[in-house]
């Protein structure tokens, strides 16, 4: 009971100035915390996938498309490509500068490789995406590619997920002429 009486006395002794001082301190602390939270999360975020695709050309308008090799579409070639798709899902612009990969076993004394890009470097605005592709070569078919990754202008690297790499390897075994 003495605690309640002390609380009542303390709350009755407050004047408008004390109330506003406490209210201002709480509000400014909450605002500073929210601003810090937003600033720490406000960075480039991307969605990165790698798929096996065939390229084709539509009849009529002649537009090019990329499709799953399992689809039987008219105008689709038999040439297989590794397609890396990058979508900027963050709120900041991101400059995609290049892409490459890493080998399990070194090839010609090198552990990594670069892919010659067609449309890079490219500034990706919010919600913008871009596909880059490379011919399916011997290292992919032999299963010597450990990982694929991209990098931006600030030096950050993003790797294709292990799940996507396994899906890519399975598609290569299914559609490419791989000896068992």
N, C-alpha and C. Protein backbone atom coordinates (compact mmCIF):
# COMPACT_ATOMS: atom_id res chain seq x y z
N UNK A 1 0.80 -1.21 0.00
CA UNK A 1 0.00 0.00 0.00
C UNK A 1 0.84 1.27 0.00
N UNK A 2 2.00 1.29 0.65
CA UNK A 2 2.79 2.51 0.62
C UNK A 2 3.28 2.84 -0.79
N UNK A 3 3.45 1.82 -1.65
CA UNK A 3 3.92 2.07 -3.00
C UNK A 3 2.85 2.85 -3.78
N UNK A 4 1.58 2.46 -3.62
CA UNK A 4 0.50 3.17 -4.30
C UNK A 4 0.40 4.62 -3.84
N UNK A 5 0.57 4.82 -2.55
CA UNK A 5 0.48 6.20 -2.06
C UNK A 5 1.67 7.03 -2.56
N UNK A 6 2.84 6.41 -2.66
CA UNK A 6 4.00 7.14 -3.20
C UNK A 6 3.78 7.45 -4.69
N UNK A 7 3.21 6.50 -5.42
CA UNK A 7 2.91 6.72 -6.84
C UNK A 7 1.92 7.86 -7.01
N UNK A 8 0.88 7.87 -6.19
CA UNK A 8 -0.13 8.93 -6.28
C UNK A 8 0.50 10.29 -5.98
N UNK A 9 1.34 10.35 -4.95
CA UNK A 9 1.98 11.61 -4.60
C UNK A 9 2.92 12.07 -5.74
N UNK A 10 3.68 11.14 -6.32
CA UNK A 10 4.63 11.46 -7.39
C UNK A 10 3.89 11.96 -8.63
N UNK A 11 2.80 11.26 -9.03
CA UNK A 11 2.06 11.68 -10.23
C UNK A 11 1.33 13.01 -10.00
N UNK A 12 0.89 13.29 -8.77
CA UNK A 12 0.21 14.56 -8.48
C UNK A 12 1.19 15.73 -8.46
N UNK A 13 2.46 15.43 -8.17
CA UNK A 13 3.43 16.52 -8.07
C UNK A 13 3.96 16.95 -9.45
N UNK A 14 3.62 16.23 -10.49
CA UNK A 14 4.06 16.60 -11.84
C UNK A 14 3.34 17.85 -12.29
N UNK A 15 4.09 18.70 -12.94
CA UNK A 15 3.45 19.84 -13.57
C UNK A 15 3.58 19.68 -15.09
N UNK A 16 3.08 20.60 -15.82
CA UNK A 16 3.07 20.50 -17.28
C UNK A 16 4.49 20.45 -17.84
N UNK A 17 5.39 21.21 -17.26
CA UNK A 17 6.76 21.24 -17.76
C UNK A 17 7.44 19.89 -17.60
N UNK A 18 7.29 19.25 -16.46
CA UNK A 18 7.90 17.95 -16.24
C UNK A 18 7.31 16.91 -17.20
N UNK A 19 5.99 16.95 -17.38
CA UNK A 19 5.34 16.01 -18.29
C UNK A 19 5.87 16.17 -19.71
N UNK A 20 5.96 17.41 -20.19
CA UNK A 20 6.44 17.67 -21.55
C UNK A 20 7.91 17.28 -21.72
N UNK A 21 8.71 17.46 -20.66
CA UNK A 21 10.12 17.08 -20.73
C UNK A 21 10.27 15.56 -20.89
N UNK A 22 9.51 14.79 -20.10
CA UNK A 22 9.56 13.33 -20.19
C UNK A 22 9.00 12.88 -21.54
N UNK A 23 7.89 13.48 -21.95
CA UNK A 23 7.28 13.12 -23.24
C UNK A 23 8.27 13.39 -24.38
N UNK A 24 8.94 14.51 -24.38
CA UNK A 24 9.91 14.86 -25.42
C UNK A 24 11.09 13.91 -25.44
N UNK A 25 11.57 13.52 -24.25
CA UNK A 25 12.70 12.59 -24.18
C UNK A 25 12.31 11.23 -24.74
N UNK A 26 11.14 10.73 -24.40
CA UNK A 26 10.69 9.43 -24.92
C UNK A 26 10.47 9.48 -26.43
N UNK A 27 9.84 10.53 -26.91
CA UNK A 27 9.57 10.65 -28.33
C UNK A 27 10.85 10.78 -29.15
N UNK A 28 11.80 11.57 -28.68
CA UNK A 28 13.06 11.73 -29.43
C UNK A 28 13.89 10.44 -29.41
N UNK A 29 13.84 9.69 -28.31
CA UNK A 29 14.55 8.41 -28.26
C UNK A 29 13.94 7.41 -29.25
N UNK A 30 12.61 7.36 -29.29
CA UNK A 30 11.95 6.47 -30.25
C UNK A 30 12.25 6.87 -31.68
N UNK A 31 12.26 8.15 -31.97
CA UNK A 31 12.55 8.63 -33.33
C UNK A 31 13.99 8.33 -33.72
N UNK A 32 14.92 8.53 -32.80
CA UNK A 32 16.32 8.23 -33.08
C UNK A 32 16.51 6.73 -33.33
N UNK A 33 15.85 5.90 -32.55
CA UNK A 33 15.93 4.45 -32.75
C UNK A 33 15.37 4.02 -34.10
N UNK A 34 14.23 4.59 -34.48
CA UNK A 34 13.61 4.25 -35.76
C UNK A 34 14.49 4.71 -36.92
N UNK A 35 15.08 5.88 -36.84
CA UNK A 35 15.96 6.39 -37.89
C UNK A 35 17.20 5.50 -38.02
N UNK A 36 17.78 5.11 -36.92
CA UNK A 36 18.94 4.22 -36.95
C UNK A 36 18.59 2.88 -37.57
N UNK A 37 17.44 2.33 -37.21
CA UNK A 37 16.97 1.06 -37.77
C UNK A 37 16.79 1.17 -39.29
N UNK A 38 16.15 2.23 -39.76
CA UNK A 38 15.94 2.41 -41.20
C UNK A 38 17.25 2.59 -41.94
N UNK A 39 18.18 3.37 -41.37
CA UNK A 39 19.45 3.62 -42.04
C UNK A 39 20.30 2.36 -42.14
N UNK A 40 20.26 1.52 -41.13
CA UNK A 40 21.05 0.29 -41.16
C UNK A 40 20.47 -0.72 -42.15
N UNK A 41 19.18 -0.68 -42.37
CA UNK A 41 18.55 -1.61 -43.31
C UNK A 41 18.48 -1.09 -44.73
N UNK A 42 18.74 0.19 -44.92
CA UNK A 42 18.61 0.81 -46.23
C UNK A 42 19.89 0.58 -47.03
N UNK A 43 19.94 -0.55 -47.75
CA UNK A 43 21.10 -0.88 -48.55
C UNK A 43 20.61 -1.65 -49.78
N UNK A 44 21.52 -1.87 -50.69
CA UNK A 44 21.15 -2.60 -51.90
C UNK A 44 20.83 -4.05 -51.54
N UNK A 45 19.70 -4.52 -52.04
CA UNK A 45 19.32 -5.92 -51.87
C UNK A 45 18.96 -6.45 -53.24
N UNK A 46 19.41 -7.65 -53.53
CA UNK A 46 19.13 -8.22 -54.84
C UNK A 46 18.59 -9.63 -54.70
N UNK A 47 17.91 -10.05 -55.75
CA UNK A 47 17.48 -11.45 -55.90
C UNK A 47 18.29 -11.98 -57.07
N UNK A 48 19.02 -13.07 -56.83
CA UNK A 48 19.95 -13.60 -57.80
C UNK A 48 19.62 -15.06 -58.08
N UNK A 49 19.44 -15.40 -59.36
CA UNK A 49 19.16 -16.79 -59.74
C UNK A 49 20.03 -17.16 -60.94
N UNK A 50 20.27 -18.45 -61.09
CA UNK A 50 20.98 -18.99 -62.25
C UNK A 50 20.17 -20.17 -62.78
N UNK A 51 19.90 -20.16 -64.07
CA UNK A 51 19.09 -21.20 -64.69
C UNK A 51 19.72 -21.61 -66.02
N UNK A 52 19.36 -22.80 -66.47
CA UNK A 52 19.74 -23.29 -67.79
C UNK A 52 18.61 -22.95 -68.75
N UNK A 53 18.93 -22.29 -69.87
CA UNK A 53 17.91 -21.84 -70.79
C UNK A 53 18.36 -22.04 -72.24
N UNK A 54 17.38 -22.06 -73.12
CA UNK A 54 17.59 -22.03 -74.57
C UNK A 54 17.05 -20.70 -75.09
N UNK A 55 17.66 -20.19 -76.15
CA UNK A 55 17.22 -18.93 -76.71
C UNK A 55 16.42 -19.20 -77.98
N UNK A 56 15.42 -18.39 -78.20
CA UNK A 56 14.60 -18.52 -79.39
C UNK A 56 14.16 -17.17 -79.90
N UNK A 57 13.54 -17.20 -81.06
CA UNK A 57 13.03 -15.97 -81.66
C UNK A 57 11.59 -16.21 -82.07
N UNK A 58 10.71 -15.32 -81.60
CA UNK A 58 9.29 -15.46 -81.91
C UNK A 58 9.01 -15.21 -83.37
N UNK A 59 8.05 -15.93 -83.87
CA UNK A 59 7.59 -15.67 -85.23
C UNK A 59 6.71 -14.42 -85.20
N UNK A 60 6.70 -13.69 -86.26
CA UNK A 60 5.87 -12.49 -86.30
C UNK A 60 6.69 -11.25 -86.02
N UNK A 61 6.92 -10.96 -84.72
CA UNK A 61 7.64 -9.73 -84.39
C UNK A 61 9.15 -9.94 -84.26
N UNK A 62 9.60 -11.19 -84.21
CA UNK A 62 11.03 -11.48 -84.17
C UNK A 62 11.71 -11.21 -82.85
N UNK A 63 10.93 -11.04 -81.78
CA UNK A 63 11.51 -10.77 -80.46
C UNK A 63 12.19 -12.04 -79.93
N UNK A 64 13.31 -11.84 -79.22
CA UNK A 64 14.03 -12.97 -78.64
C UNK A 64 13.46 -13.32 -77.28
N UNK A 65 13.57 -14.59 -76.92
CA UNK A 65 13.12 -15.05 -75.61
C UNK A 65 14.04 -16.14 -75.11
N UNK A 66 13.99 -16.37 -73.82
CA UNK A 66 14.74 -17.46 -73.18
C UNK A 66 13.72 -18.37 -72.52
N UNK A 67 13.86 -19.66 -72.76
CA UNK A 67 12.89 -20.61 -72.22
C UNK A 67 13.61 -21.83 -71.67
N UNK A 68 12.91 -22.55 -70.82
CA UNK A 68 13.41 -23.80 -70.26
C UNK A 68 13.67 -24.78 -71.40
N UNK A 69 14.78 -25.51 -71.35
CA UNK A 69 15.08 -26.44 -72.44
C UNK A 69 14.03 -27.55 -72.61
N UNK A 70 13.26 -27.84 -71.59
CA UNK A 70 12.24 -28.87 -71.67
C UNK A 70 11.01 -28.45 -72.46
N UNK A 71 10.87 -27.17 -72.71
CA UNK A 71 9.71 -26.69 -73.48
C UNK A 71 10.00 -26.87 -74.96
N UNK A 72 9.01 -27.28 -75.70
CA UNK A 72 9.16 -27.46 -77.13
C UNK A 72 8.45 -26.31 -77.83
N UNK A 73 9.16 -25.20 -78.01
CA UNK A 73 8.58 -24.01 -78.63
C UNK A 73 9.15 -23.82 -80.02
N UNK A 74 8.35 -23.28 -80.90
CA UNK A 74 8.84 -23.03 -82.26
C UNK A 74 9.83 -21.87 -82.23
N UNK A 75 10.87 -22.01 -83.03
CA UNK A 75 11.88 -20.96 -83.10
C UNK A 75 12.95 -21.07 -82.04
N UNK A 76 12.89 -22.09 -81.18
CA UNK A 76 13.87 -22.23 -80.09
C UNK A 76 15.06 -23.07 -80.57
N UNK A 77 16.26 -22.59 -80.29
CA UNK A 77 17.46 -23.31 -80.71
C UNK A 77 17.79 -24.42 -79.72
N UNK A 78 18.73 -25.26 -80.10
CA UNK A 78 19.19 -26.34 -79.22
C UNK A 78 20.37 -25.90 -78.36
N UNK A 79 20.93 -24.73 -78.62
CA UNK A 79 22.07 -24.21 -77.87
C UNK A 79 21.64 -23.91 -76.43
N UNK A 80 22.42 -24.39 -75.45
CA UNK A 80 22.12 -24.18 -74.04
C UNK A 80 22.95 -23.02 -73.49
N UNK A 81 22.33 -22.24 -72.62
CA UNK A 81 22.98 -21.09 -71.99
C UNK A 81 22.76 -21.14 -70.48
N UNK A 82 23.74 -20.63 -69.75
CA UNK A 82 23.57 -20.40 -68.32
C UNK A 82 23.15 -18.94 -68.19
N UNK A 83 21.96 -18.72 -67.62
CA UNK A 83 21.40 -17.38 -67.51
C UNK A 83 21.40 -16.96 -66.04
N UNK A 84 22.04 -15.84 -65.76
CA UNK A 84 22.05 -15.27 -64.41
C UNK A 84 21.10 -14.09 -64.43
N UNK A 85 20.09 -14.12 -63.55
CA UNK A 85 19.11 -13.05 -63.45
C UNK A 85 19.30 -12.31 -62.14
N UNK A 86 19.38 -10.99 -62.23
CA UNK A 86 19.54 -10.15 -61.05
C UNK A 86 18.39 -9.16 -61.01
N UNK A 87 17.70 -9.11 -59.87
CA UNK A 87 16.63 -8.14 -59.66
C UNK A 87 16.98 -7.33 -58.42
N UNK A 88 16.92 -6.02 -58.53
CA UNK A 88 17.16 -5.13 -57.40
C UNK A 88 15.86 -5.04 -56.60
N UNK A 89 15.80 -5.67 -55.45
CA UNK A 89 14.61 -5.63 -54.61
C UNK A 89 14.76 -4.65 -53.45
N UNK A 90 15.90 -3.97 -53.40
CA UNK A 90 16.13 -2.99 -52.35
C UNK A 90 15.63 -1.61 -52.76
N UNK A 91 15.87 -0.65 -51.88
CA UNK A 91 15.43 0.72 -52.14
C UNK A 91 16.55 1.59 -52.71
N UNK A 92 17.74 1.06 -52.81
CA UNK A 92 18.87 1.81 -53.34
C UNK A 92 19.23 1.30 -54.73
N UNK A 93 19.75 2.20 -55.55
CA UNK A 93 20.24 1.78 -56.86
C UNK A 93 21.48 0.92 -56.68
N UNK A 94 21.69 0.03 -57.63
CA UNK A 94 22.83 -0.86 -57.55
C UNK A 94 23.47 -0.95 -58.93
N UNK A 95 24.78 -0.82 -59.00
CA UNK A 95 25.49 -0.90 -60.28
C UNK A 95 26.12 -2.29 -60.39
N UNK A 96 25.53 -3.12 -61.26
CA UNK A 96 26.03 -4.46 -61.50
C UNK A 96 27.20 -4.34 -62.47
N UNK A 97 28.40 -4.74 -62.01
CA UNK A 97 29.60 -4.55 -62.82
C UNK A 97 30.04 -5.79 -63.56
N UNK A 98 29.85 -6.97 -62.98
CA UNK A 98 30.32 -8.17 -63.66
C UNK A 98 29.89 -9.43 -62.95
N UNK A 99 30.21 -10.56 -63.57
CA UNK A 99 29.91 -11.84 -62.94
C UNK A 99 30.97 -12.86 -63.35
N UNK A 100 31.06 -13.87 -62.53
CA UNK A 100 32.06 -14.91 -62.76
C UNK A 100 31.76 -16.09 -61.86
N UNK A 101 32.78 -16.89 -61.64
CA UNK A 101 32.58 -18.08 -60.83
C UNK A 101 33.88 -18.62 -60.28
N UNK A 102 33.75 -19.71 -59.57
CA UNK A 102 34.87 -20.36 -58.92
C UNK A 102 34.84 -21.84 -59.27
N UNK A 103 36.02 -22.39 -59.55
CA UNK A 103 36.13 -23.80 -59.90
C UNK A 103 36.37 -24.67 -58.67
N UNK A 104 35.96 -25.93 -58.75
CA UNK A 104 36.36 -26.90 -57.73
C UNK A 104 37.84 -27.23 -57.90
N UNK A 105 38.22 -27.59 -59.14
CA UNK A 105 39.62 -27.90 -59.46
C UNK A 105 40.12 -26.82 -60.40
N UNK A 106 41.32 -26.29 -60.16
CA UNK A 106 41.83 -25.21 -61.01
C UNK A 106 41.90 -25.62 -62.49
N UNK A 107 41.61 -24.66 -63.35
CA UNK A 107 41.68 -24.85 -64.79
C UNK A 107 42.76 -23.90 -65.31
N UNK A 108 43.77 -24.45 -65.97
CA UNK A 108 44.93 -23.66 -66.45
C UNK A 108 45.56 -22.86 -65.33
N UNK A 109 45.61 -23.42 -64.14
CA UNK A 109 46.24 -22.77 -62.99
C UNK A 109 45.40 -21.70 -62.34
N UNK A 110 44.13 -21.56 -62.72
CA UNK A 110 43.28 -20.51 -62.14
C UNK A 110 42.11 -21.14 -61.40
N UNK A 111 41.78 -20.54 -60.24
CA UNK A 111 40.67 -21.04 -59.42
C UNK A 111 39.35 -20.36 -59.75
N UNK A 112 39.41 -19.19 -60.40
CA UNK A 112 38.20 -18.43 -60.69
C UNK A 112 38.15 -18.10 -62.18
N UNK A 113 36.97 -17.65 -62.63
CA UNK A 113 36.81 -17.23 -64.01
C UNK A 113 35.86 -16.05 -64.08
N UNK A 114 35.99 -15.27 -65.14
CA UNK A 114 35.10 -14.15 -65.42
C UNK A 114 34.29 -14.48 -66.66
N UNK A 115 33.07 -13.98 -66.69
CA UNK A 115 32.22 -14.16 -67.85
C UNK A 115 32.15 -12.84 -68.60
N UNK A 116 32.37 -12.90 -69.88
CA UNK A 116 32.28 -11.71 -70.71
C UNK A 116 30.82 -11.28 -70.81
N UNK A 117 30.51 -10.13 -70.27
CA UNK A 117 29.13 -9.67 -70.17
C UNK A 117 28.72 -8.89 -71.41
N UNK A 118 27.45 -9.00 -71.75
CA UNK A 118 26.92 -8.30 -72.91
C UNK A 118 26.41 -6.90 -72.56
N UNK A 119 25.76 -6.76 -71.41
CA UNK A 119 25.08 -5.50 -71.06
C UNK A 119 25.64 -4.85 -69.80
N UNK A 120 26.81 -5.26 -69.34
CA UNK A 120 27.36 -4.74 -68.09
C UNK A 120 28.49 -3.78 -68.38
N UNK A 121 28.74 -2.81 -67.52
CA UNK A 121 28.03 -2.51 -66.27
C UNK A 121 26.66 -1.89 -66.53
N UNK A 122 25.77 -2.09 -65.56
CA UNK A 122 24.39 -1.62 -65.69
C UNK A 122 23.91 -1.14 -64.32
N UNK A 123 23.33 0.05 -64.30
CA UNK A 123 22.73 0.58 -63.08
C UNK A 123 21.31 0.03 -62.97
N UNK A 124 21.05 -0.73 -61.92
CA UNK A 124 19.72 -1.29 -61.70
C UNK A 124 18.97 -0.42 -60.70
N UNK A 125 17.90 0.18 -61.17
CA UNK A 125 17.06 0.99 -60.29
C UNK A 125 16.20 0.06 -59.43
N UNK A 126 15.41 0.64 -58.56
CA UNK A 126 14.51 -0.12 -57.69
C UNK A 126 13.56 -0.97 -58.54
N UNK A 127 13.48 -2.26 -58.24
CA UNK A 127 12.61 -3.24 -58.91
C UNK A 127 12.99 -3.51 -60.37
N UNK A 128 14.16 -3.11 -60.81
CA UNK A 128 14.60 -3.38 -62.17
C UNK A 128 15.41 -4.67 -62.19
N UNK A 129 15.34 -5.40 -63.30
CA UNK A 129 16.09 -6.65 -63.40
C UNK A 129 16.83 -6.72 -64.73
N UNK A 130 17.80 -7.61 -64.78
CA UNK A 130 18.59 -7.81 -65.98
C UNK A 130 19.04 -9.26 -66.03
N UNK A 131 19.03 -9.84 -67.22
CA UNK A 131 19.52 -11.20 -67.45
C UNK A 131 20.81 -11.12 -68.25
N UNK A 132 21.80 -11.85 -67.81
CA UNK A 132 23.05 -12.02 -68.55
C UNK A 132 23.22 -13.51 -68.79
N UNK A 133 23.80 -13.88 -69.92
CA UNK A 133 23.95 -15.30 -70.20
C UNK A 133 25.32 -15.60 -70.78
N UNK A 134 25.67 -16.88 -70.65
CA UNK A 134 26.93 -17.38 -71.19
C UNK A 134 26.66 -18.75 -71.78
N UNK A 135 27.43 -19.10 -72.81
CA UNK A 135 27.30 -20.42 -73.40
C UNK A 135 27.63 -21.48 -72.36
N UNK A 136 26.93 -22.58 -72.43
CA UNK A 136 27.22 -23.72 -71.55
C UNK A 136 28.52 -24.33 -72.03
N UNK A 137 29.57 -24.28 -71.21
CA UNK A 137 30.86 -24.81 -71.64
C UNK A 137 31.23 -26.08 -70.87
N UNK A 138 32.42 -26.59 -71.19
CA UNK A 138 32.89 -27.86 -70.65
C UNK A 138 32.95 -27.87 -69.13
N UNK A 139 33.33 -26.75 -68.51
CA UNK A 139 33.48 -26.72 -67.06
C UNK A 139 32.12 -26.90 -66.37
N UNK A 140 31.07 -26.33 -66.94
CA UNK A 140 29.73 -26.52 -66.38
C UNK A 140 29.28 -27.96 -66.57
N UNK A 141 29.50 -28.48 -67.76
CA UNK A 141 29.06 -29.84 -68.07
C UNK A 141 29.80 -30.87 -67.20
N UNK A 142 31.09 -30.64 -66.97
CA UNK A 142 31.87 -31.57 -66.16
C UNK A 142 31.61 -31.41 -64.66
N UNK A 143 30.83 -30.42 -64.27
CA UNK A 143 30.53 -30.21 -62.85
C UNK A 143 31.67 -29.58 -62.08
N UNK A 144 32.55 -28.84 -62.75
CA UNK A 144 33.70 -28.23 -62.09
C UNK A 144 33.42 -26.83 -61.57
N UNK A 145 32.22 -26.29 -61.77
CA UNK A 145 31.91 -24.94 -61.29
C UNK A 145 31.35 -25.04 -59.87
N UNK A 146 32.08 -24.46 -58.94
CA UNK A 146 31.71 -24.51 -57.53
C UNK A 146 30.64 -23.48 -57.18
N UNK A 147 30.83 -22.26 -57.67
CA UNK A 147 29.86 -21.20 -57.39
C UNK A 147 29.88 -20.15 -58.47
N UNK A 148 28.77 -19.45 -58.60
CA UNK A 148 28.64 -18.30 -59.48
C UNK A 148 28.36 -17.09 -58.61
N UNK A 149 28.90 -15.96 -58.97
CA UNK A 149 28.67 -14.75 -58.18
C UNK A 149 28.71 -13.53 -59.07
N UNK A 150 28.13 -12.45 -58.56
CA UNK A 150 28.18 -11.15 -59.23
C UNK A 150 28.82 -10.15 -58.28
N UNK A 151 29.24 -9.01 -58.80
CA UNK A 151 29.75 -7.95 -57.94
C UNK A 151 29.25 -6.61 -58.45
N UNK A 152 29.22 -5.65 -57.51
CA UNK A 152 28.73 -4.32 -57.85
C UNK A 152 29.87 -3.31 -57.82
N UNK A 153 29.52 -2.07 -58.05
CA UNK A 153 30.52 -1.00 -58.10
C UNK A 153 31.18 -0.71 -56.77
N UNK A 154 30.54 -1.07 -55.67
CA UNK A 154 31.10 -0.83 -54.34
C UNK A 154 31.96 -1.98 -53.86
N UNK A 155 32.10 -3.03 -54.67
CA UNK A 155 32.93 -4.17 -54.29
C UNK A 155 32.20 -5.27 -53.55
N UNK A 156 30.89 -5.17 -53.40
CA UNK A 156 30.13 -6.24 -52.74
C UNK A 156 29.93 -7.39 -53.70
N UNK A 157 29.93 -8.60 -53.16
CA UNK A 157 29.70 -9.80 -53.95
C UNK A 157 28.45 -10.51 -53.47
N UNK A 158 27.69 -11.05 -54.41
CA UNK A 158 26.54 -11.88 -54.10
C UNK A 158 26.70 -13.19 -54.84
N UNK A 159 26.48 -14.29 -54.15
CA UNK A 159 26.61 -15.61 -54.75
C UNK A 159 25.25 -16.20 -55.05
N UNK A 160 25.19 -17.02 -56.09
CA UNK A 160 23.99 -17.79 -56.38
C UNK A 160 23.84 -18.80 -55.26
N UNK A 161 22.62 -19.01 -54.80
CA UNK A 161 22.38 -19.92 -53.67
C UNK A 161 22.77 -21.35 -54.03
N UNK A 162 23.08 -22.14 -53.00
CA UNK A 162 23.42 -23.55 -53.22
C UNK A 162 22.26 -24.30 -53.85
N UNK A 163 21.05 -23.94 -53.46
CA UNK A 163 19.86 -24.58 -54.04
C UNK A 163 19.79 -24.33 -55.55
N UNK A 164 20.03 -23.08 -55.97
CA UNK A 164 20.02 -22.78 -57.40
C UNK A 164 21.17 -23.47 -58.12
N UNK A 165 22.34 -23.59 -57.48
CA UNK A 165 23.46 -24.28 -58.11
C UNK A 165 23.13 -25.77 -58.29
N UNK A 166 22.45 -26.37 -57.31
CA UNK A 166 22.05 -27.78 -57.45
C UNK A 166 21.00 -27.94 -58.55
N UNK A 167 20.05 -26.99 -58.62
CA UNK A 167 19.04 -27.03 -59.68
C UNK A 167 19.70 -26.87 -61.05
N UNK A 168 20.67 -25.98 -61.16
CA UNK A 168 21.40 -25.79 -62.41
C UNK A 168 22.16 -27.05 -62.80
N UNK A 169 22.85 -27.67 -61.83
CA UNK A 169 23.59 -28.90 -62.11
C UNK A 169 22.66 -30.02 -62.56
N UNK A 170 21.50 -30.13 -61.93
CA UNK A 170 20.53 -31.16 -62.32
C UNK A 170 20.01 -30.91 -63.73
N UNK A 171 19.75 -29.66 -64.07
CA UNK A 171 19.28 -29.33 -65.42
C UNK A 171 20.36 -29.62 -66.45
N UNK A 172 21.60 -29.35 -66.12
CA UNK A 172 22.70 -29.63 -67.05
C UNK A 172 22.80 -31.13 -67.29
N UNK A 173 22.69 -31.93 -66.23
CA UNK A 173 22.75 -33.38 -66.39
C UNK A 173 21.58 -33.89 -67.23
N UNK A 174 20.43 -33.24 -67.08
CA UNK A 174 19.24 -33.69 -67.79
C UNK A 174 19.27 -33.31 -69.27
N UNK A 175 19.69 -32.09 -69.59
CA UNK A 175 19.54 -31.59 -70.95
C UNK A 175 20.84 -31.56 -71.76
N UNK A 176 21.99 -31.53 -71.10
CA UNK A 176 23.25 -31.51 -71.83
C UNK A 176 23.70 -32.96 -72.06
N UNK A 177 24.54 -33.16 -73.03
CA UNK A 177 25.05 -34.50 -73.31
C UNK A 177 26.17 -34.79 -72.32
N UNK A 178 25.78 -35.31 -71.15
CA UNK A 178 26.74 -35.61 -70.10
C UNK A 178 26.88 -37.13 -69.99
N UNK A 179 28.07 -37.66 -70.15
CA UNK A 179 28.23 -39.11 -69.99
C UNK A 179 28.04 -39.51 -68.52
N UNK A 180 27.36 -40.61 -68.31
CA UNK A 180 27.10 -41.06 -66.92
C UNK A 180 28.21 -41.93 -66.40
